[in-house]
Amino acid sequence: MPMPMSYNWLLVLLSYAVAVLGSFTALQLAVAIPLARNQRQKTAAVAMAGGAMGLGAIWAMHFIAMLACDSGMDVTYDPAITALSAVVAFAACSGGLLLVGDGQFSWLKLAGAGTCMGVGVASMHYLGMAAMMMPATVNYDYGVVFLSFVIAVAASMAALWLAFNLRGPLQMIGSALVMGVAVCGMHYTGMAAATFEDNGGQVPDGYADGLRVGNLGVTIFVITATLLGLTLVLHYWRQRYRSSLSI
């Protein structure tokens, strides 16, 4: 029999907030990719923007939102699979940014980069789901799973287009708010695809050594928001410093 799920709405709101902050930071940092003067600068710009989007806007949002879900049973998370999901998110976003930001912008490159990034982001989500260790089995509605992949690809294409076509601060704030909705929409669509069924109390190996919930959701938000904030401050400082040198 499927187990009912409820949500901690504080963590839901924090998941959206970190998605918006991560998206805004990534949009700011992505501007440096096509302006890079050499490969070292381009690699650094891609890594910074990819980290902000992949680890901040997407992975942290996903994990906080996972912790917001309450199925009425104790859940721990496999540390290795959880870490792997973060690597996948970072690699997918960095790869998408590199593909679309290298050379002349085109719709064909946008489609390819968006697909790469979207499939990676959706894969990260289901890897994160696989990291859950609990006395239950998870079944999926594959039609809804497919829909979540479509949303992920569409959101990725939108994020990449915005990153390389908008420059004004107000436009970027608006874009980040929209991206937060898109990222959360993909996650909660993926969650809607899952049904949890009690397996009689049997827990998988390693359950006792997994990451436990507690205040983990708020902790991840605080750490991620602090790192993103510091990244923005450093980015703005470097911009002002370079501007002062050119005067």
Protein backbone atom coordinates (compact mmCIF):
# COMPACT_ATOMS: atom_id res chain seq x y z
CA MET A 1 0.00 0.00 0.00
CA PRO A 2 1.47 3.42 -0.94
CA MET A 3 2.65 5.50 2.01
CA PRO A 4 1.30 9.08 2.31
CA MET A 5 3.79 11.93 1.99
CA SER A 6 3.76 15.38 3.55
CA TYR A 7 6.19 18.31 3.30
CA ASN A 8 8.02 20.58 5.71
CA TRP A 9 7.10 23.90 4.11
CA LEU A 10 10.02 25.77 5.68
CA LEU A 11 12.40 23.46 3.83
CA VAL A 12 10.32 23.75 0.65
CA LEU A 13 10.69 27.54 0.79
CA LEU A 14 14.41 27.25 1.56
CA SER A 15 14.84 24.91 -1.42
CA TYR A 16 13.30 27.55 -3.70
CA ALA A 17 15.39 30.32 -2.13
CA VAL A 18 18.66 28.46 -2.70
CA ALA A 19 17.60 27.65 -6.29
CA VAL A 20 17.02 31.36 -6.94
CA LEU A 21 20.28 32.45 -5.28
CA GLY A 22 22.27 29.77 -7.11
CA SER A 23 20.67 30.69 -10.44
CA PHE A 24 21.39 34.40 -9.93
CA THR A 25 25.01 33.68 -9.00
CA ALA A 26 25.46 31.40 -12.02
CA LEU A 27 23.96 34.01 -14.37
CA GLN A 28 26.37 36.62 -13.03
CA LEU A 29 29.40 34.34 -13.35
CA ALA A 30 28.47 32.98 -16.81
CA VAL A 31 28.99 36.43 -18.33
CA ALA A 32 32.74 35.87 -17.99
CA ILE A 33 32.77 32.72 -20.15
CA PRO A 34 32.56 34.31 -23.64
CA LEU A 35 34.77 37.20 -22.45
CA ALA A 36 37.62 34.92 -21.33
CA ARG A 37 40.95 35.87 -22.94
CA ASN A 38 42.55 32.43 -22.67
CA GLN A 39 41.71 28.82 -21.86
CA ARG A 40 42.66 29.15 -18.20
CA GLN A 41 40.22 32.01 -17.69
CA LYS A 42 37.50 30.16 -19.60
CA THR A 43 37.99 26.99 -17.54
CA ALA A 44 37.81 28.99 -14.30
CA ALA A 45 34.67 30.84 -15.44
CA VAL A 46 32.94 27.61 -16.48
CA ALA A 47 33.88 25.90 -13.19
CA MET A 48 32.60 28.83 -11.11
CA ALA A 49 29.32 29.21 -13.01
CA GLY A 50 28.86 25.43 -13.22
CA GLY A 51 29.42 25.10 -9.48
CA ALA A 52 26.93 27.85 -8.68
CA MET A 53 24.27 26.32 -10.94
CA GLY A 54 24.99 22.62 -10.47
CA LEU A 55 25.89 22.52 -6.78
CA GLY A 56 23.98 25.59 -5.55
CA ALA A 57 20.85 26.07 -7.62
CA ILE A 58 20.25 22.39 -8.40
CA TRP A 59 21.99 19.90 -6.08
CA ALA A 60 21.52 21.84 -2.84
CA MET A 61 17.93 22.61 -3.84
CA HIS A 62 17.33 18.92 -4.55
CA PHE A 63 18.79 17.69 -1.27
CA ILE A 64 16.97 20.28 0.85
CA ALA A 65 13.72 19.40 -0.94
CA MET A 66 14.36 15.69 -0.35
CA LEU A 67 14.74 16.38 3.35
CA ALA A 68 11.48 18.38 3.21
CA CYS A 69 9.60 15.23 2.22
CA ASP A 70 8.17 13.26 5.15
CA SER A 71 6.90 9.78 4.38
CA GLY A 72 6.41 8.87 8.03
CA MET A 73 9.53 6.68 8.29
CA ASP A 74 13.17 7.17 9.20
CA VAL A 75 15.36 7.78 6.16
CA THR A 76 19.13 7.96 5.87
CA TYR A 77 21.18 8.78 2.77
CA ASP A 78 24.04 6.82 1.27
CA PRO A 79 27.04 9.24 1.45
CA ALA A 80 28.77 7.86 -1.67
CA ILE A 81 25.70 8.05 -3.93
CA THR A 82 24.81 11.47 -2.51
CA ALA A 83 28.33 12.72 -3.33
CA LEU A 84 28.13 11.16 -6.81
CA SER A 85 24.86 13.00 -7.48
CA ALA A 86 26.63 16.29 -6.66
CA VAL A 87 29.46 15.44 -9.08
CA VAL A 88 26.92 14.65 -11.83
CA ALA A 89 25.11 17.97 -11.26
CA PHE A 90 28.38 19.92 -11.41
CA ALA A 91 29.64 18.09 -14.50
CA ALA A 92 26.32 18.44 -16.37
CA CYS A 93 26.01 22.18 -15.72
CA SER A 94 29.67 22.88 -16.46
CA GLY A 95 29.46 20.86 -19.68
CA GLY A 96 26.34 22.70 -20.82
CA LEU A 97 27.88 26.10 -20.08
CA LEU A 98 31.09 25.19 -21.88
CA LEU A 99 29.28 23.92 -24.98
CA VAL A 100 27.04 26.95 -25.41
CA GLY A 101 29.61 29.51 -24.26
CA ASP A 102 32.43 28.36 -26.55
CA GLY A 103 32.51 30.44 -29.74
CA GLN A 104 29.51 31.94 -31.50
CA PHE A 105 26.10 31.42 -29.86
CA SER A 106 23.62 29.35 -31.93
CA TRP A 107 20.27 27.66 -31.36
CA LEU A 108 21.74 24.28 -32.35
CA LYS A 109 24.45 24.60 -29.70
CA LEU A 110 21.81 25.71 -27.20
CA ALA A 111 19.69 22.63 -27.92
CA GLY A 112 22.66 20.27 -27.56
CA ALA A 113 23.95 21.95 -24.41
CA GLY A 114 20.46 22.13 -22.88
CA THR A 115 19.87 18.44 -23.55
CA CYS A 116 23.25 17.50 -22.03
CA MET A 117 22.62 19.63 -18.98
CA GLY A 118 18.98 18.63 -18.57
CA VAL A 119 19.62 14.89 -18.80
CA GLY A 120 22.46 15.29 -16.32
CA VAL A 121 20.31 17.25 -13.89
CA ALA A 122 17.43 14.75 -14.07
CA SER A 123 19.91 11.88 -13.64
CA MET A 124 21.27 13.65 -10.56
CA HIS A 125 17.74 13.78 -9.16
CA TYR A 126 17.16 10.06 -9.54
CA LEU A 127 20.64 9.27 -8.22
CA GLY A 128 19.68 11.33 -5.18
CA MET A 129 16.52 9.29 -4.86
CA ALA A 130 18.56 6.10 -5.09
CA ALA A 131 20.66 7.32 -2.16
CA MET A 132 17.62 7.05 0.14
CA MET A 133 17.91 4.14 2.59
CA MET A 134 14.63 3.28 4.32
CA PRO A 135 12.28 0.41 5.19
CA ALA A 136 10.36 0.85 1.93
CA THR A 137 10.55 0.23 -1.80
CA VAL A 138 10.22 2.97 -4.42
CA ASN A 139 8.14 2.51 -7.56
CA TYR A 140 7.99 5.00 -10.43
CA ASP A 141 5.37 6.22 -12.85
CA TYR A 142 7.60 6.31 -15.94
CA GLY A 143 5.32 8.71 -17.77
CA VAL A 144 5.89 11.27 -15.04
CA VAL A 145 9.61 10.39 -14.99
CA PHE A 146 9.76 11.23 -18.70
CA LEU A 147 7.94 14.50 -18.04
CA SER A 148 10.53 15.40 -15.39
CA PHE A 149 13.31 14.87 -17.96
CA VAL A 150 11.46 17.13 -20.43
CA ILE A 151 11.12 19.82 -17.76
CA ALA A 152 14.82 19.48 -16.88
CA VAL A 153 15.90 19.91 -20.52
CA ALA A 154 13.55 22.87 -21.07
CA ALA A 155 14.71 24.53 -17.84
CA SER A 156 18.35 23.97 -18.78
CA MET A 157 17.87 25.51 -22.22
CA ALA A 158 16.15 28.49 -20.62
CA ALA A 159 18.96 28.88 -18.07
CA LEU A 160 21.65 28.74 -20.75
CA TRP A 161 19.83 31.21 -23.02
CA LEU A 162 19.35 33.63 -20.13
CA ALA A 163 22.99 33.26 -19.08
CA PHE A 164 24.28 34.44 -22.45
CA ASN A 165 21.58 36.87 -23.55
CA LEU A 166 20.68 38.97 -20.50
CA ARG A 167 22.98 41.46 -18.80
CA GLY A 168 20.93 43.92 -16.72
CA PRO A 169 20.66 43.27 -12.94
CA LEU A 170 16.84 43.50 -12.91
CA GLN A 171 16.59 41.09 -15.85
CA MET A 172 18.91 38.67 -14.04
CA ILE A 173 16.88 38.85 -10.84
CA GLY A 174 13.69 38.12 -12.78
CA SER A 175 15.42 35.31 -14.65
CA ALA A 176 16.70 33.79 -11.40
CA LEU A 177 13.17 33.84 -9.93
CA VAL A 178 11.86 32.04 -13.03
CA MET A 179 14.73 29.56 -12.95
CA GLY A 180 13.98 28.81 -9.30
CA VAL A 181 10.43 27.85 -10.29
CA ALA A 182 11.75 25.69 -13.17
CA VAL A 183 14.34 23.87 -11.04
CA CYS A 184 11.83 23.22 -8.24
CA GLY A 185 9.22 22.18 -10.82
CA MET A 186 11.56 19.51 -12.16
CA HIS A 187 12.32 18.21 -8.67
CA TYR A 188 8.75 18.03 -7.40
CA THR A 189 7.58 16.49 -10.67
CA GLY A 190 10.22 13.80 -10.12
CA MET A 191 8.98 13.31 -6.57
CA ALA A 192 5.40 12.97 -7.85
CA ALA A 193 6.62 10.10 -10.04
CA ALA A 194 7.65 8.10 -6.97
CA THR A 195 5.47 5.91 -4.78
CA PHE A 196 6.84 4.60 -1.47
CA GLU A 197 5.60 1.24 -0.21
CA ASP A 198 6.34 -0.25 3.21
CA ASN A 199 8.46 -3.41 2.88
CA GLY A 200 7.81 -4.70 6.38
CA GLY A 201 10.60 -2.87 8.17
CA GLN A 202 13.54 -4.28 6.20
CA VAL A 203 16.32 -1.71 5.85
CA PRO A 204 19.21 -1.96 3.36
CA ASP A 205 22.83 -2.59 4.31
CA GLY A 206 24.56 0.57 5.45
CA TYR A 207 21.36 2.15 6.75
CA ALA A 208 22.85 2.85 10.19
CA ASP A 209 25.88 4.60 8.67
CA GLY A 210 23.89 6.86 6.32
CA LEU A 211 23.45 10.62 6.57
CA ARG A 212 20.61 11.40 8.96
CA VAL A 213 18.07 14.17 8.55
CA GLY A 214 17.87 16.18 11.80
CA ASN A 215 18.65 19.81 10.97
CA LEU A 216 20.58 18.82 7.84
CA GLY A 217 18.26 20.72 5.47
CA VAL A 218 18.70 24.07 7.24
CA THR A 219 22.44 23.41 7.63
CA ILE A 220 22.87 22.78 3.90
CA PHE A 221 20.92 25.94 3.11
CA VAL A 222 23.05 28.09 5.43
CA ILE A 223 26.34 26.69 4.11
CA THR A 224 25.29 26.92 0.46
CA ALA A 225 23.82 30.42 0.79
CA THR A 226 26.98 31.61 2.56
CA LEU A 227 29.25 30.19 -0.14
CA LEU A 228 27.11 31.64 -2.94
CA GLY A 229 27.03 35.02 -1.19
CA LEU A 230 30.82 35.03 -0.79
CA THR A 231 31.19 34.05 -4.45
CA LEU A 232 29.03 37.01 -5.51
CA VAL A 233 31.00 39.40 -3.31
CA LEU A 234 34.30 38.15 -4.78
CA HIS A 235 32.89 38.42 -8.31
CA TYR A 236 31.77 42.03 -7.81
CA TRP A 237 35.10 42.94 -6.14
CA ARG A 238 37.07 41.52 -9.07
CA GLN A 239 34.86 43.44 -11.53
CA ARG A 240 35.49 46.73 -9.67
CA TYR A 241 39.20 46.00 -9.44
CA ARG A 242 39.50 45.32 -13.17
CA SER A 243 37.48 48.44 -13.94
CA SER A 244 39.83 50.53 -11.82
CA LEU A 245 42.83 49.17 -13.74
CA SER A 246 41.29 50.13 -17.08
CA ILE A 247 40.67 53.75 -16.08
